[in-house]
Amino acid sequence: MNEFAEKYINLPMDIDMKNSLDTARDEGKAEGIEEGIKRVALNALNMGKTVQETAELTGLTVAEVEGMMQ
């Protein structure tokens, strides 16, 4: 935890704020990972990989990869 967080979030009344910040951070990470996977999929397709290969590489379904091609 950084210095700001240690100073201000350790107060008992700030438990809800800390939980909100933790949730927001986790959601942001998940969105970033999802966006990264989509970029990898598009790059794979642009490099000539098949839809099936791209799905296997990224963990996306064939339908999800096909939807990205539209």
PDB file of N, CA and C in Angstrom:
ATOM      1  N   MET A   1       0.858  -1.174   0.000  1.00  0.00           N
ATOM      2  CA  MET A   1       0.000   0.000   0.000  1.00  0.00           C
ATOM      3  C   MET A   1       0.899   1.230   0.000  1.00  0.00           C
ATOM      4  N   ASN A   2       0.537   2.242  -0.764  1.00  0.00           N
ATOM      5  CA  ASN A   2       1.382   3.433  -0.825  1.00  0.00           C
ATOM      6  C   ASN A   2       1.163   4.329   0.387  1.00  0.00           C
ATOM      7  N   GLU A   3       2.021   5.352   0.511  1.00  0.00           N
ATOM      8  CA  GLU A   3       1.998   6.234   1.679  1.00  0.00           C
ATOM      9  C   GLU A   3       0.657   6.942   1.840  1.00  0.00           C
ATOM     10  N   PHE A   4       0.084   7.428   0.746  1.00  0.00           N
ATOM     11  CA  PHE A   4      -1.207   8.100   0.810  1.00  0.00           C
ATOM     12  C   PHE A   4      -2.270   7.155   1.357  1.00  0.00           C
ATOM     13  N   ALA A   5      -2.298   5.954   0.827  1.00  0.00           N
ATOM     14  CA  ALA A   5      -3.301   4.983   1.261  1.00  0.00           C
ATOM     15  C   ALA A   5      -3.114   4.634   2.725  1.00  0.00           C
ATOM     16  N   GLU A   6      -1.881   4.454   3.147  1.00  0.00           N
ATOM     17  CA  GLU A   6      -1.631   4.118   4.551  1.00  0.00           C
ATOM     18  C   GLU A   6      -2.095   5.238   5.472  1.00  0.00           C
ATOM     19  N   LYS A   7      -1.890   6.482   5.048  1.00  0.00           N
ATOM     20  CA  LYS A   7      -2.260   7.627   5.879  1.00  0.00           C
ATOM     21  C   LYS A   7      -3.770   7.810   5.967  1.00  0.00           C
ATOM     22  N   TYR A   8      -4.462   7.654   4.852  1.00  0.00           N
ATOM     23  CA  TYR A   8      -5.873   8.017   4.812  1.00  0.00           C
ATOM     24  C   TYR A   8      -6.858   6.842   4.807  1.00  0.00           C
ATOM     25  N   ILE A   9      -6.427   5.692   4.387  1.00  0.00           N
ATOM     26  CA  ILE A   9      -7.378   4.591   4.268  1.00  0.00           C
ATOM     27  C   ILE A   9      -7.374   3.692   5.501  1.00  0.00           C
ATOM     28  N   ASN A  10      -6.436   3.854   6.383  1.00  0.00           N
ATOM     29  CA  ASN A  10      -6.405   3.025   7.586  1.00  0.00           C
ATOM     30  C   ASN A  10      -7.381   3.506   8.652  1.00  0.00           C
ATOM     31  N   LEU A  11      -8.069   4.581   8.422  1.00  0.00           N
ATOM     32  CA  LEU A  11      -9.071   5.052   9.362  1.00  0.00           C
ATOM     33  C   LEU A  11     -10.288   4.143   9.302  1.00  0.00           C
ATOM     34  N   PRO A  12     -10.888   3.802  10.457  1.00  0.00           N
ATOM     35  CA  PRO A  12     -12.039   2.885  10.456  1.00  0.00           C
ATOM     36  C   PRO A  12     -13.184   3.332   9.547  1.00  0.00           C
ATOM     37  N   MET A  13     -13.466   4.617   9.463  1.00  0.00           N
ATOM     38  CA  MET A  13     -14.586   5.071   8.652  1.00  0.00           C
ATOM     39  C   MET A  13     -14.291   4.960   7.155  1.00  0.00           C
ATOM     40  N   ASP A  14     -13.060   4.655   6.784  1.00  0.00           N
ATOM     41  CA  ASP A  14     -12.697   4.571   5.379  1.00  0.00           C
ATOM     42  C   ASP A  14     -12.658   3.135   4.841  1.00  0.00           C
ATOM     43  N   ILE A  15     -13.174   2.199   5.582  1.00  0.00           N
ATOM     44  CA  ILE A  15     -13.174   0.809   5.130  1.00  0.00           C
ATOM     45  C   ILE A  15     -13.983   0.665   3.851  1.00  0.00           C
ATOM     46  N   ASP A  16     -15.151   1.325   3.780  1.00  0.00           N
ATOM     47  CA  ASP A  16     -15.964   1.254   2.569  1.00  0.00           C
ATOM     48  C   ASP A  16     -15.234   1.872   1.386  1.00  0.00           C
ATOM     49  N   MET A  17     -14.516   2.963   1.619  1.00  0.00           N
ATOM     50  CA  MET A  17     -13.765   3.607   0.547  1.00  0.00           C
ATOM     51  C   MET A  17     -12.659   2.675   0.049  1.00  0.00           C
ATOM     52  N   LYS A  18     -11.962   2.026   0.965  1.00  0.00           N
ATOM     53  CA  LYS A  18     -10.903   1.102   0.580  1.00  0.00           C
ATOM     54  C   LYS A  18     -11.479  -0.047  -0.238  1.00  0.00           C
ATOM     55  N   ASN A  19     -12.605  -0.588   0.209  1.00  0.00           N
ATOM     56  CA  ASN A  19     -13.243  -1.669  -0.533  1.00  0.00           C
ATOM     57  C   ASN A  19     -13.657  -1.214  -1.926  1.00  0.00           C
ATOM     58  N   SER A  20     -14.161   0.010  -2.021  1.00  0.00           N
ATOM     59  CA  SER A  20     -14.553   0.551  -3.327  1.00  0.00           C
ATOM     60  C   SER A  20     -13.339   0.708  -4.230  1.00  0.00           C
ATOM     61  N   LEU A  21     -12.246   1.214  -3.687  1.00  0.00           N
ATOM     62  CA  LEU A  21     -11.024   1.371  -4.472  1.00  0.00           C
ATOM     63  C   LEU A  21     -10.474   0.019  -4.922  1.00  0.00           C
ATOM     64  N   ASP A  22     -10.489  -0.951  -4.017  1.00  0.00           N
ATOM     65  CA  ASP A  22     -10.020  -2.293  -4.376  1.00  0.00           C
ATOM     66  C   ASP A  22     -10.872  -2.894  -5.488  1.00  0.00           C
ATOM     67  N   THR A  23     -12.186  -2.724  -5.385  1.00  0.00           N
ATOM     68  CA  THR A  23     -13.094  -3.242  -6.409  1.00  0.00           C
ATOM     69  C   THR A  23     -12.846  -2.556  -7.744  1.00  0.00           C
ATOM     70  N   ALA A  24     -12.698  -1.242  -7.714  1.00  0.00           N
ATOM     71  CA  ALA A  24     -12.450  -0.489  -8.951  1.00  0.00           C
ATOM     72  C   ALA A  24     -11.133  -0.927  -9.592  1.00  0.00           C
ATOM     73  N   ARG A  25     -10.102  -1.135  -8.784  1.00  0.00           N
ATOM     74  CA  ARG A  25      -8.810  -1.576  -9.298  1.00  0.00           C
ATOM     75  C   ARG A  25      -8.937  -2.953  -9.939  1.00  0.00           C
ATOM     76  N   ASP A  26      -9.621  -3.859  -9.280  1.00  0.00           N
ATOM     77  CA  ASP A  26      -9.797  -5.211  -9.816  1.00  0.00           C
ATOM     78  C   ASP A  26     -10.586  -5.190 -11.123  1.00  0.00           C
ATOM     79  N   GLU A  27     -11.626  -4.357 -11.185  1.00  0.00           N
ATOM     80  CA  GLU A  27     -12.421  -4.246 -12.409  1.00  0.00           C
ATOM     81  C   GLU A  27     -11.585  -3.660 -13.537  1.00  0.00           C
ATOM     82  N   GLY A  28     -10.748  -2.686 -13.212  1.00  0.00           N
ATOM     83  CA  GLY A  28      -9.873  -2.084 -14.208  1.00  0.00           C
ATOM     84  C   GLY A  28      -8.870  -3.084 -14.761  1.00  0.00           C
ATOM     85  N   LYS A  29      -8.333  -3.912 -13.885  1.00  0.00           N
ATOM     86  CA  LYS A  29      -7.395  -4.952 -14.332  1.00  0.00           C
ATOM     87  C   LYS A  29      -8.091  -5.928 -15.271  1.00  0.00           C
ATOM     88  N   ALA A  30      -9.289  -6.342 -14.897  1.00  0.00           N
ATOM     89  CA  ALA A  30     -10.034  -7.295 -15.722  1.00  0.00           C
ATOM     90  C   ALA A  30     -10.339  -6.708 -17.101  1.00  0.00           C
ATOM     91  N   GLU A  31     -10.718  -5.432 -17.136  1.00  0.00           N
ATOM     92  CA  GLU A  31     -10.996  -4.780 -18.419  1.00  0.00           C
ATOM     93  C   GLU A  31      -9.731  -4.688 -19.266  1.00  0.00           C
ATOM     94  N   GLY A  32      -8.606  -4.404 -18.618  1.00  0.00           N
ATOM     95  CA  GLY A  32      -7.344  -4.319 -19.333  1.00  0.00           C
ATOM     96  C   GLY A  32      -6.924  -5.648 -19.924  1.00  0.00           C
ATOM     97  N   ILE A  33      -7.116  -6.701 -19.165  1.00  0.00           N
ATOM     98  CA  ILE A  33      -6.787  -8.044 -19.658  1.00  0.00           C
ATOM     99  C   ILE A  33      -7.674  -8.399 -20.839  1.00  0.00           C
ATOM    100  N   GLU A  34      -8.956  -8.107 -20.721  1.00  0.00           N
ATOM    101  CA  GLU A  34      -9.902  -8.397 -21.808  1.00  0.00           C
ATOM    102  C   GLU A  34      -9.520  -7.647 -23.084  1.00  0.00           C
ATOM    103  N   GLU A  35      -9.174  -6.375 -22.930  1.00  0.00           N
ATOM    104  CA  GLU A  35      -8.770  -5.570 -24.086  1.00  0.00           C
ATOM    105  C   GLU A  35      -7.483  -6.126 -24.697  1.00  0.00           C
ATOM    106  N   GLY A  36      -6.557  -6.552 -23.859  1.00  0.00           N
ATOM    107  CA  GLY A  36      -5.311  -7.128 -24.351  1.00  0.00           C
ATOM    108  C   GLY A  36      -5.533  -8.406 -25.137  1.00  0.00           C
ATOM    109  N   ILE A  37      -6.430  -9.248 -24.667  1.00  0.00           N
ATOM    110  CA  ILE A  37      -6.739 -10.495 -25.365  1.00  0.00           C
ATOM    111  C   ILE A  37      -7.349 -10.187 -26.739  1.00  0.00           C
ATOM    112  N   LYS A  38      -8.221  -9.191 -26.785  1.00  0.00           N
ATOM    113  CA  LYS A  38      -8.831  -8.815 -28.066  1.00  0.00           C
ATOM    114  C   LYS A  38      -7.774  -8.298 -29.043  1.00  0.00           C
ATOM    115  N   ARG A  39      -6.815  -7.533 -28.549  1.00  0.00           N
ATOM    116  CA  ARG A  39      -5.748  -7.028 -29.420  1.00  0.00           C
ATOM    117  C   ARG A  39      -4.887  -8.167 -29.952  1.00  0.00           C
ATOM    118  N   VAL A  40      -4.589  -9.129 -29.085  1.00  0.00           N
ATOM    119  CA  VAL A  40      -3.810 -10.292 -29.522  1.00  0.00           C
ATOM    120  C   VAL A  40      -4.580 -11.047 -30.597  1.00  0.00           C
ATOM    121  N   ALA A  41      -5.882 -11.206 -30.390  1.00  0.00           N
ATOM    122  CA  ALA A  41      -6.702 -11.913 -31.375  1.00  0.00           C
ATOM    123  C   ALA A  41      -6.694 -11.192 -32.720  1.00  0.00           C
ATOM    124  N   LEU A  42      -6.872  -9.887 -32.695  1.00  0.00           N
ATOM    125  CA  LEU A  42      -6.858  -9.130 -33.950  1.00  0.00           C
ATOM    126  C   LEU A  42      -5.493  -9.219 -34.628  1.00  0.00           C
ATOM    127  N   ASN A  43      -4.421  -9.150 -33.856  1.00  0.00           N
ATOM    128  CA  ASN A  43      -3.082  -9.287 -34.427  1.00  0.00           C
ATOM    129  C   ASN A  43      -2.895 -10.663 -35.048  1.00  0.00           C
ATOM    130  N   ALA A  44      -3.368 -11.690 -34.363  1.00  0.00           N
ATOM    131  CA  ALA A  44      -3.242 -13.057 -34.893  1.00  0.00           C
ATOM    132  C   ALA A  44      -3.990 -13.185 -36.219  1.00  0.00           C
ATOM    133  N   LEU A  45      -5.189 -12.644 -36.261  1.00  0.00           N
ATOM    134  CA  LEU A  45      -5.968 -12.699 -37.501  1.00  0.00           C
ATOM    135  C   LEU A  45      -5.264 -11.937 -38.617  1.00  0.00           C
ATOM    136  N   ASN A  46      -4.727 -10.769 -38.285  1.00  0.00           N
ATOM    137  CA  ASN A  46      -4.020  -9.967 -39.280  1.00  0.00           C
ATOM    138  C   ASN A  46      -2.741 -10.643 -39.769  1.00  0.00           C
ATOM    139  N   MET A  47      -2.182 -11.531 -38.958  1.00  0.00           N
ATOM    140  CA  MET A  47      -0.983 -12.263 -39.344  1.00  0.00           C
ATOM    141  C   MET A  47      -1.307 -13.528 -40.138  1.00  0.00           C
ATOM    142  N   GLY A  48      -2.610 -13.764 -40.342  1.00  0.00           N
ATOM    143  CA  GLY A  48      -3.009 -14.902 -41.156  1.00  0.00           C
ATOM    144  C   GLY A  48      -3.409 -16.147 -40.390  1.00  0.00           C
ATOM    145  N   LYS A  49      -3.492 -16.052 -39.075  1.00  0.00           N
ATOM    146  CA  LYS A  49      -3.954 -17.204 -38.299  1.00  0.00           C
ATOM    147  C   LYS A  49      -5.432 -17.434 -38.585  1.00  0.00           C
ATOM    148  N   THR A  50      -5.850 -18.671 -38.532  1.00  0.00           N
ATOM    149  CA  THR A  50      -7.254 -18.991 -38.751  1.00  0.00           C
ATOM    150  C   THR A  50      -8.073 -18.606 -37.522  1.00  0.00           C
ATOM    151  N   VAL A  51      -9.380 -18.582 -37.702  1.00  0.00           N
ATOM    152  CA  VAL A  51     -10.269 -18.295 -36.578  1.00  0.00           C
ATOM    153  C   VAL A  51     -10.055 -19.333 -35.480  1.00  0.00           C
ATOM    154  N   GLN A  52      -9.952 -20.595 -35.862  1.00  0.00           N
ATOM    155  CA  GLN A  52      -9.752 -21.664 -34.878  1.00  0.00           C
ATOM    156  C   GLN A  52      -8.427 -21.484 -34.143  1.00  0.00           C
ATOM    157  N   GLU A  53      -7.353 -21.200 -34.867  1.00  0.00           N
ATOM    158  CA  GLU A  53      -6.051 -20.991 -34.236  1.00  0.00           C
ATOM    159  C   GLU A  53      -6.085 -19.800 -33.275  1.00  0.00           C
ATOM    160  N   THR A  54      -6.746 -18.743 -33.703  1.00  0.00           N
ATOM    161  CA  THR A  54      -6.853 -17.543 -32.878  1.00  0.00           C
ATOM    162  C   THR A  54      -7.642 -17.830 -31.608  1.00  0.00           C
ATOM    163  N   ALA A  55      -8.712 -18.586 -31.733  1.00  0.00           N
ATOM    164  CA  ALA A  55      -9.509 -18.956 -30.565  1.00  0.00           C
ATOM    165  C   ALA A  55      -8.678 -19.781 -29.587  1.00  0.00           C
ATOM    166  N   GLU A  56      -7.930 -20.733 -30.103  1.00  0.00           N
ATOM    167  CA  GLU A  56      -7.084 -21.561 -29.240  1.00  0.00           C
ATOM    168  C   GLU A  56      -5.999 -20.729 -28.569  1.00  0.00           C
ATOM    169  N   LEU A  57      -5.423 -19.802 -29.287  1.00  0.00           N
ATOM    170  CA  LEU A  57      -4.357 -18.952 -28.765  1.00  0.00           C
ATOM    171  C   LEU A  57      -4.840 -18.050 -27.642  1.00  0.00           C
ATOM    172  N   THR A  58      -6.020 -17.475 -27.813  1.00  0.00           N
ATOM    173  CA  THR A  58      -6.508 -16.462 -26.879  1.00  0.00           C
ATOM    174  C   THR A  58      -7.452 -16.984 -25.802  1.00  0.00           C
ATOM    175  N   GLY A  59      -8.027 -18.147 -26.015  1.00  0.00           N
ATOM    176  CA  GLY A  59      -9.026 -18.638 -25.077  1.00  0.00           C
ATOM    177  C   GLY A  59     -10.421 -18.113 -25.373  1.00  0.00           C
ATOM    178  N   LEU A  60     -10.548 -17.339 -26.448  1.00  0.00           N
ATOM    179  CA  LEU A  60     -11.871 -16.879 -26.874  1.00  0.00           C
ATOM    180  C   LEU A  60     -12.577 -18.014 -27.598  1.00  0.00           C
ATOM    181  N   THR A  61     -13.879 -17.908 -27.727  1.00  0.00           N
ATOM    182  CA  THR A  61     -14.618 -18.895 -28.498  1.00  0.00           C
ATOM    183  C   THR A  61     -14.500 -18.540 -29.972  1.00  0.00           C
ATOM    184  N   VAL A  62     -14.784 -19.504 -30.827  1.00  0.00           N
ATOM    185  CA  VAL A  62     -14.774 -19.267 -32.267  1.00  0.00           C
ATOM    186  C   VAL A  62     -15.776 -18.159 -32.598  1.00  0.00           C
ATOM    187  N   ALA A  63     -16.932 -18.184 -31.970  1.00  0.00           N
ATOM    188  CA  ALA A  63     -17.956 -17.162 -32.220  1.00  0.00           C
ATOM    189  C   ALA A  63     -17.458 -15.770 -31.824  1.00  0.00           C
ATOM    190  N   GLU A  64     -16.740 -15.668 -30.710  1.00  0.00           N
ATOM    191  CA  GLU A  64     -16.202 -14.369 -30.295  1.00  0.00           C
ATOM    192  C   GLU A  64     -15.181 -13.852 -31.308  1.00  0.00           C
ATOM    193  N   VAL A  65     -14.319 -14.748 -31.787  1.00  0.00           N
ATOM    194  CA  VAL A  65     -13.328 -14.337 -32.771  1.00  0.00           C
ATOM    195  C   VAL A  65     -14.013 -13.931 -34.072  1.00  0.00           C
ATOM    196  N   GLU A  66     -14.986 -14.715 -34.497  1.00  0.00           N
ATOM    197  CA  GLU A  66     -15.711 -14.368 -35.716  1.00  0.00           C
ATOM    198  C   GLU A  66     -16.409 -13.018 -35.575  1.00  0.00           C
ATOM    199  N   GLY A  67     -16.943 -12.723 -34.398  1.00  0.00           N
ATOM    200  CA  GLY A  67     -17.605 -11.453 -34.149  1.00  0.00           C
ATOM    201  C   GLY A  67     -16.654 -10.273 -34.254  1.00  0.00           C
ATOM    202  N   MET A  68     -15.379 -10.500 -33.988  1.00  0.00           N
ATOM    203  CA  MET A  68     -14.384  -9.437 -34.082  1.00  0.00           C
ATOM    204  C   MET A  68     -14.053  -9.107 -35.534  1.00  0.00           C
ATOM    205  N   MET A  69     -14.351 -10.018 -36.427  1.00  0.00           N
ATOM    206  CA  MET A  69     -14.007  -9.854 -37.838  1.00  0.00           C
ATOM    207  C   MET A  69     -15.028  -8.992 -38.567  1.00  0.00           C
ATOM    208  N   GLN A  70     -16.153  -8.711 -37.952  1.00  0.00           N
ATOM    209  CA  GLN A  70     -17.222  -7.960 -38.615  1.00  0.00           C
ATOM    210  C   GLN A  70     -17.017  -6.475 -38.502  1.00  0.00           C
TER     211      GLN A  70
END
